[in-house]
PDB file of all heavy atoms in Angstrom:
ATOM      1  N   ILE A   1      39.874 -54.325  22.743  1.00  0.00           N
ATOM      2  CA  ILE A   1      39.602 -55.420  23.678  1.00  0.00           C
ATOM      3  C   ILE A   1      38.248 -55.152  24.197  1.00  0.00           C
ATOM      4  O   ILE A   1      37.429 -56.171  24.352  1.00  0.00           O
ATOM      5  CB  ILE A   1      40.690 -55.543  24.696  1.00  0.00           C
ATOM      6  CG1 ILE A   1      41.994 -56.138  24.121  1.00  0.00           C
ATOM      7  CG2 ILE A   1      40.190 -56.431  25.880  1.00  0.00           C
ATOM      8  CD1 ILE A   1      43.234 -56.029  24.981  1.00  0.00           C
ATOM      9  N   ALA A   2      37.894 -53.896  24.618  1.00  0.00           N
ATOM     10  CA  ALA A   2      36.604 -53.661  25.188  1.00  0.00           C
ATOM     11  C   ALA A   2      35.431 -53.858  24.169  1.00  0.00           C
ATOM     12  O   ALA A   2      34.384 -54.312  24.570  1.00  0.00           O
ATOM     13  CB  ALA A   2      36.547 -52.221  25.697  1.00  0.00           C
ATOM     14  N   LEU A   3      35.733 -53.659  22.878  1.00  0.00           N
ATOM     15  CA  LEU A   3      34.764 -53.789  21.932  1.00  0.00           C
ATOM     16  C   LEU A   3      34.582 -55.312  21.452  1.00  0.00           C
ATOM     17  O   LEU A   3      33.449 -55.763  21.310  1.00  0.00           O
ATOM     18  CB  LEU A   3      35.084 -53.031  20.642  1.00  0.00           C
ATOM     19  CG  LEU A   3      34.183 -52.899  19.549  1.00  0.00           C
ATOM     20  CD1 LEU A   3      32.715 -52.397  19.964  1.00  0.00           C
ATOM     21  CD2 LEU A   3      34.640 -52.029  18.428  1.00  0.00           C
ATOM     22  N   TYR A   4      35.714 -56.039  21.314  1.00  0.00           N
ATOM     23  CA  TYR A   4      35.615 -57.409  20.743  1.00  0.00           C
ATOM     24  C   TYR A   4      35.932 -58.521  21.743  1.00  0.00           C
ATOM     25  O   TYR A   4      35.831 -59.621  21.396  1.00  0.00           O
ATOM     26  CB  TYR A   4      36.581 -57.487  19.575  1.00  0.00           C
ATOM     27  CG  TYR A   4      36.221 -56.544  18.341  1.00  0.00           C
ATOM     28  CD1 TYR A   4      37.034 -55.457  18.185  1.00  0.00           C
ATOM     29  CD2 TYR A   4      35.323 -56.960  17.486  1.00  0.00           C
ATOM     30  CE1 TYR A   4      36.658 -54.504  17.184  1.00  0.00           C
ATOM     31  CE2 TYR A   4      34.989 -56.092  16.384  1.00  0.00           C
ATOM     32  CZ  TYR A   4      35.766 -54.931  16.140  1.00  0.00           C
ATOM     33  OH  TYR A   4      35.431 -54.146  15.134  1.00  0.00           O
ATOM     34  N   GLY A   5      36.505 -58.162  22.893  1.00  0.00           N
ATOM     35  CA  GLY A   5      37.003 -59.231  23.794  1.00  0.00           C
ATOM     36  C   GLY A   5      38.516 -59.384  23.543  1.00  0.00           C
ATOM     37  O   GLY A   5      39.106 -58.758  22.647  1.00  0.00           O
ATOM     38  N   LYS A   6      39.151 -60.011  24.551  1.00  0.00           N
ATOM     39  CA  LYS A   6      40.658 -60.028  24.585  1.00  0.00           C
ATOM     40  C   LYS A   6      41.297 -60.590  23.321  1.00  0.00           C
ATOM     41  O   LYS A   6      42.011 -59.898  22.569  1.00  0.00           O
ATOM     42  CB  LYS A   6      41.095 -60.796  25.852  1.00  0.00           C
ATOM     43  CG  LYS A   6      42.660 -60.559  26.088  1.00  0.00           C
ATOM     44  CD  LYS A   6      42.925 -61.033  27.439  1.00  0.00           C
ATOM     45  CE  LYS A   6      44.413 -60.624  27.718  1.00  0.00           C
ATOM     46  NZ  LYS A   6      44.682 -60.881  29.160  1.00  0.00           N
ATOM     47  N   LYS A   7      41.003 -61.805  22.987  1.00  0.00           N
ATOM     48  CA  LYS A   7      41.566 -62.583  21.815  1.00  0.00           C
ATOM     49  C   LYS A   7      41.190 -61.890  20.583  1.00  0.00           C
ATOM     50  O   LYS A   7      42.046 -61.435  19.646  1.00  0.00           O
ATOM     51  CB  LYS A   7      41.245 -64.011  21.831  1.00  0.00           C
ATOM     52  CG  LYS A   7      41.865 -64.695  20.691  1.00  0.00           C
ATOM     53  CD  LYS A   7      41.450 -66.208  20.724  1.00  0.00           C
ATOM     54  CE  LYS A   7      42.039 -67.008  19.628  1.00  0.00           C
ATOM     55  NZ  LYS A   7      41.403 -66.707  18.273  1.00  0.00           N
ATOM     56  N   GLU A   8      39.876 -61.800  20.373  1.00  0.00           N
ATOM     57  CA  GLU A   8      39.346 -61.207  19.161  1.00  0.00           C
ATOM     58  C   GLU A   8      39.644 -59.651  18.952  1.00  0.00           C
ATOM     59  O   GLU A   8      39.859 -59.274  17.874  1.00  0.00           O
ATOM     60  CB  GLU A   8      37.809 -61.321  19.143  1.00  0.00           C
ATOM     61  CG  GLU A   8      37.324 -62.856  19.033  1.00  0.00           C
ATOM     62  CD  GLU A   8      37.378 -63.516  20.421  1.00  0.00           C
ATOM     63  OE1 GLU A   8      37.547 -62.946  21.426  1.00  0.00           O
ATOM     64  OE2 GLU A   8      37.168 -64.795  20.376  1.00  0.00           O
ATOM     65  N   GLY A   9      39.825 -58.926  20.083  1.00  0.00           N
ATOM     66  CA  GLY A   9      40.202 -57.571  19.976  1.00  0.00           C
ATOM     67  C   GLY A   9      41.524 -57.313  19.407  1.00  0.00           C
ATOM     68  O   GLY A   9      41.752 -56.571  18.543  1.00  0.00           O
ATOM     69  N   ILE A  10      42.491 -58.084  19.939  1.00  0.00           N
ATOM     70  CA  ILE A  10      43.831 -57.980  19.492  1.00  0.00           C
ATOM     71  C   ILE A  10      43.975 -58.519  17.894  1.00  0.00           C
ATOM     72  O   ILE A  10      44.633 -57.889  17.151  1.00  0.00           O
ATOM     73  CB  ILE A  10      44.867 -58.741  20.295  1.00  0.00           C
ATOM     74  CG1 ILE A  10      44.918 -58.077  21.711  1.00  0.00           C
ATOM     75  CG2 ILE A  10      46.251 -58.710  19.701  1.00  0.00           C
ATOM     76  CD1 ILE A  10      45.288 -56.628  21.712  1.00  0.00           C
ATOM     77  N   GLU A  11      43.281 -59.521  17.651  1.00  0.00           N
ATOM     78  CA  GLU A  11      43.202 -59.984  16.332  1.00  0.00           C
ATOM     79  C   GLU A  11      42.620 -59.001  15.319  1.00  0.00           C
ATOM     80  O   GLU A  11      43.077 -58.740  14.240  1.00  0.00           O
ATOM     81  CB  GLU A  11      42.481 -61.404  16.186  1.00  0.00           C
ATOM     82  CG  GLU A  11      43.223 -62.499  16.797  1.00  0.00           C
ATOM     83  CD  GLU A  11      42.553 -63.821  16.977  1.00  0.00           C
ATOM     84  OE1 GLU A  11      41.348 -63.825  16.615  1.00  0.00           O
ATOM     85  OE2 GLU A  11      43.106 -64.841  17.328  1.00  0.00           O
ATOM     86  N   GLN A  12      41.478 -58.380  15.756  1.00  0.00           N
ATOM     87  CA  GLN A  12      40.850 -57.404  14.890  1.00  0.00           C
ATOM     88  C   GLN A  12      41.742 -56.163  14.783  1.00  0.00           C
ATOM     89  O   GLN A  12      41.866 -55.550  13.657  1.00  0.00           O
ATOM     90  CB  GLN A  12      39.506 -56.986  15.520  1.00  0.00           C
ATOM     91  CG  GLN A  12      38.740 -56.042  14.629  1.00  0.00           C
ATOM     92  CD  GLN A  12      38.268 -56.681  13.346  1.00  0.00           C
ATOM     93  OE1 GLN A  12      37.773 -57.772  13.250  1.00  0.00           O
ATOM     94  NE2 GLN A  12      38.663 -56.008  12.197  1.00  0.00           N
ATOM     95  N   MET A  13      42.455 -55.816  15.791  1.00  0.00           N
ATOM     96  CA  MET A  13      43.436 -54.697  15.674  1.00  0.00           C
ATOM     97  C   MET A  13      44.501 -55.003  14.719  1.00  0.00           C
ATOM     98  O   MET A  13      44.808 -54.173  13.900  1.00  0.00           O
ATOM     99  CB  MET A  13      44.004 -54.435  17.074  1.00  0.00           C
ATOM    100  CG  MET A  13      44.901 -53.151  17.122  1.00  0.00           C
ATOM    101  SD  MET A  13      45.456 -52.972  18.881  1.00  0.00           S
ATOM    102  CE  MET A  13      46.686 -51.789  18.609  1.00  0.00           C
ATOM    103  N   GLY A  14      44.996 -56.160  14.777  1.00  0.00           N
ATOM    104  CA  GLY A  14      46.000 -56.602  13.728  1.00  0.00           C
ATOM    105  C   GLY A  14      45.486 -56.699  12.385  1.00  0.00           C
ATOM    106  O   GLY A  14      46.091 -56.170  11.395  1.00  0.00           O
ATOM    107  N   GLU A  15      44.269 -57.225  12.239  1.00  0.00           N
ATOM    108  CA  GLU A  15      43.602 -57.259  10.858  1.00  0.00           C
ATOM    109  C   GLU A  15      43.434 -55.860  10.331  1.00  0.00           C
ATOM    110  O   GLU A  15      43.715 -55.621   9.177  1.00  0.00           O
ATOM    111  CB  GLU A  15      42.266 -57.946  11.040  1.00  0.00           C
ATOM    112  CG  GLU A  15      41.644 -58.217   9.678  1.00  0.00           C
ATOM    113  CD  GLU A  15      40.416 -59.024   9.849  1.00  0.00           C
ATOM    114  OE1 GLU A  15      40.371 -60.057  10.532  1.00  0.00           O
ATOM    115  OE2 GLU A  15      39.484 -58.777   9.077  1.00  0.00           O
ATOM    116  N   ASP A  16      42.954 -54.959  11.175  1.00  0.00           N
ATOM    117  CA  ASP A  16      42.675 -53.630  10.708  1.00  0.00           C
ATOM    118  C   ASP A  16      44.046 -52.896  10.326  1.00  0.00           C
ATOM    119  O   ASP A  16      44.189 -52.129   9.357  1.00  0.00           O
ATOM    120  CB  ASP A  16      41.979 -52.709  11.733  1.00  0.00           C
ATOM    121  CG  ASP A  16      40.567 -53.074  11.830  1.00  0.00           C
ATOM    122  OD1 ASP A  16      40.010 -53.756  10.945  1.00  0.00           O
ATOM    123  OD2 ASP A  16      39.974 -52.580  12.914  1.00  0.00           O
ATOM    124  N   MET A  17      45.166 -53.171  11.094  1.00  0.00           N
ATOM    125  CA  MET A  17      46.419 -52.574  10.820  1.00  0.00           C
ATOM    126  C   MET A  17      46.945 -53.094   9.437  1.00  0.00           C
ATOM    127  O   MET A  17      47.400 -52.301   8.667  1.00  0.00           O
ATOM    128  CB  MET A  17      47.479 -52.998  11.890  1.00  0.00           C
ATOM    129  CG  MET A  17      48.839 -52.529  11.685  1.00  0.00           C
ATOM    130  SD  MET A  17      48.935 -50.759  11.813  1.00  0.00           S
ATOM    131  CE  MET A  17      49.247 -50.521  13.459  1.00  0.00           C
ATOM    132  N   CYS A  18      46.715 -54.460   9.288  1.00  0.00           N
ATOM    133  CA  CYS A  18      47.290 -54.946   7.996  1.00  0.00           C
ATOM    134  C   CYS A  18      46.477 -54.597   6.800  1.00  0.00           C
ATOM    135  O   CYS A  18      46.974 -54.232   5.753  1.00  0.00           O
ATOM    136  CB  CYS A  18      47.409 -56.491   8.118  1.00  0.00           C
ATOM    137  SG  CYS A  18      48.656 -57.049   9.172  1.00  0.00           S
ATOM    138  N   SER A  19      45.132 -54.610   6.979  1.00  0.00           N
ATOM    139  CA  SER A  19      44.222 -54.443   5.738  1.00  0.00           C
ATOM    140  C   SER A  19      43.843 -52.981   5.511  1.00  0.00           C
ATOM    141  O   SER A  19      43.551 -52.591   4.400  1.00  0.00           O
ATOM    142  CB  SER A  19      43.022 -55.263   5.831  1.00  0.00           C
ATOM    143  OG  SER A  19      42.194 -54.886   6.999  1.00  0.00           O
ATOM    144  N   ARG A  20      43.840 -52.111   6.560  1.00  0.00           N
ATOM    145  CA  ARG A  20      43.311 -50.826   6.339  1.00  0.00           C
ATOM    146  C   ARG A  20      44.340 -49.720   6.588  1.00  0.00           C
ATOM    147  O   ARG A  20      44.182 -48.628   6.008  1.00  0.00           O
ATOM    148  CB  ARG A  20      42.143 -50.607   7.337  1.00  0.00           C
ATOM    149  CG  ARG A  20      41.039 -51.590   7.193  1.00  0.00           C
ATOM    150  CD  ARG A  20      39.973 -51.448   8.102  1.00  0.00           C
ATOM    151  NE  ARG A  20      39.122 -50.404   7.770  1.00  0.00           N
ATOM    152  CZ  ARG A  20      38.127 -49.945   8.512  1.00  0.00           C
ATOM    153  NH1 ARG A  20      37.844 -50.540   9.650  1.00  0.00           N
ATOM    154  NH2 ARG A  20      37.357 -48.857   8.080  1.00  0.00           N
ATOM    155  N   ILE A  21      45.403 -49.975   7.283  1.00  0.00           N
ATOM    156  CA  ILE A  21      46.359 -48.970   7.506  1.00  0.00           C
ATOM    157  C   ILE A  21      47.714 -49.186   6.759  1.00  0.00           C
ATOM    158  O   ILE A  21      48.155 -48.289   6.084  1.00  0.00           O
ATOM    159  CB  ILE A  21      46.757 -48.815   9.039  1.00  0.00           C
ATOM    160  CG1 ILE A  21      45.474 -48.311   9.800  1.00  0.00           C
ATOM    161  CG2 ILE A  21      47.870 -47.881   9.333  1.00  0.00           C
ATOM    162  CD1 ILE A  21      45.563 -48.247  11.289  1.00  0.00           C
ATOM    163  N   ALA A  22      48.232 -50.401   6.789  1.00  0.00           N
ATOM    164  CA  ALA A  22      49.484 -50.709   6.071  1.00  0.00           C
ATOM    165  C   ALA A  22      49.420 -50.401   4.656  1.00  0.00           C
ATOM    166  O   ALA A  22      50.420 -49.885   4.106  1.00  0.00           O
ATOM    167  CB  ALA A  22      49.883 -52.142   6.336  1.00  0.00           C
ATOM    168  N   PRO A  23      48.352 -50.702   3.963  1.00  0.00           N
ATOM    169  CA  PRO A  23      48.382 -50.443   2.447  1.00  0.00           C
ATOM    170  C   PRO A  23      48.749 -48.977   2.069  1.00  0.00           C
ATOM    171  O   PRO A  23      49.455 -48.662   1.072  1.00  0.00           O
ATOM    172  CB  PRO A  23      47.009 -50.734   1.992  1.00  0.00           C
ATOM    173  CG  PRO A  23      46.532 -51.720   2.944  1.00  0.00           C
ATOM    174  CD  PRO A  23      47.078 -51.376   4.230  1.00  0.00           C
ATOM    175  N   GLY A  24      48.387 -48.013   2.885  1.00  0.00           N
ATOM    176  CA  GLY A  24      48.717 -46.580   2.689  1.00  0.00           C
ATOM    177  C   GLY A  24      50.002 -46.147   3.404  1.00  0.00           C
ATOM    178  O   GLY A  24      50.417 -45.016   3.045  1.00  0.00           O
ATOM    179  N   GLN A  25      50.479 -46.832   4.378  1.00  0.00           N
ATOM    180  CA  GLN A  25      51.537 -46.374   5.183  1.00  0.00           C
ATOM    181  C   GLN A  25      52.851 -47.115   5.028  1.00  0.00           C
ATOM    182  O   GLN A  25      53.948 -46.520   5.253  1.00  0.00           O
ATOM    183  CB  GLN A  25      51.053 -46.355   6.671  1.00  0.00           C
ATOM    184  CG  GLN A  25      49.921 -45.407   6.868  1.00  0.00           C
ATOM    185  CD  GLN A  25      50.109 -43.993   6.632  1.00  0.00           C
ATOM    186  OE1 GLN A  25      51.151 -43.484   6.936  1.00  0.00           O
ATOM    187  NE2 GLN A  25      49.171 -43.334   5.978  1.00  0.00           N
ATOM    188  N   HIS A  26      52.803 -48.406   4.893  1.00  0.00           N
ATOM    189  CA  HIS A  26      53.984 -49.187   4.825  1.00  0.00           C
ATOM    190  C   HIS A  26      54.418 -49.347   3.364  1.00  0.00           C
ATOM    191  O   HIS A  26      53.594 -49.550   2.449  1.00  0.00           O
ATOM    192  CB  HIS A  26      53.710 -50.606   5.425  1.00  0.00           C
ATOM    193  CG  HIS A  26      54.907 -51.471   5.655  1.00  0.00           C
ATOM    194  ND1 HIS A  26      55.618 -52.035   4.592  1.00  0.00           N
ATOM    195  CD2 HIS A  26      55.666 -51.706   6.762  1.00  0.00           C
ATOM    196  CE1 HIS A  26      56.645 -52.693   5.125  1.00  0.00           C
ATOM    197  NE2 HIS A  26      56.661 -52.443   6.395  1.00  0.00           N
ATOM    198  N   PRO A  27      55.731 -49.214   3.139  1.00  0.00           N
ATOM    199  CA  PRO A  27      56.199 -49.131   1.765  1.00  0.00           C
ATOM    200  C   PRO A  27      55.897 -50.468   0.996  1.00  0.00           C
ATOM    201  O   PRO A  27      55.695 -50.486  -0.206  1.00  0.00           O
ATOM    202  CB  PRO A  27      57.686 -48.952   1.825  1.00  0.00           C
ATOM    203  CG  PRO A  27      58.045 -48.726   3.218  1.00  0.00           C
ATOM    204  CD  PRO A  27      56.827 -48.852   4.060  1.00  0.00           C
ATOM    205  N   GLY A  28      55.835 -51.525   1.696  1.00  0.00           N
ATOM    206  CA  GLY A  28      55.527 -52.833   1.161  1.00  0.00           C
ATOM    207  C   GLY A  28      54.015 -53.176   1.236  1.00  0.00           C
ATOM    208  O   GLY A  28      53.692 -54.340   0.931  1.00  0.00           O
TER     209      GLY A  28
END
């Protein structure tokens, strides 16, 4: 949030979780 702003920060966090973390951590 400090880096991107409130809405964009949470959206970017979600995007990073889905595109950068989940591929190697979530079974699906």
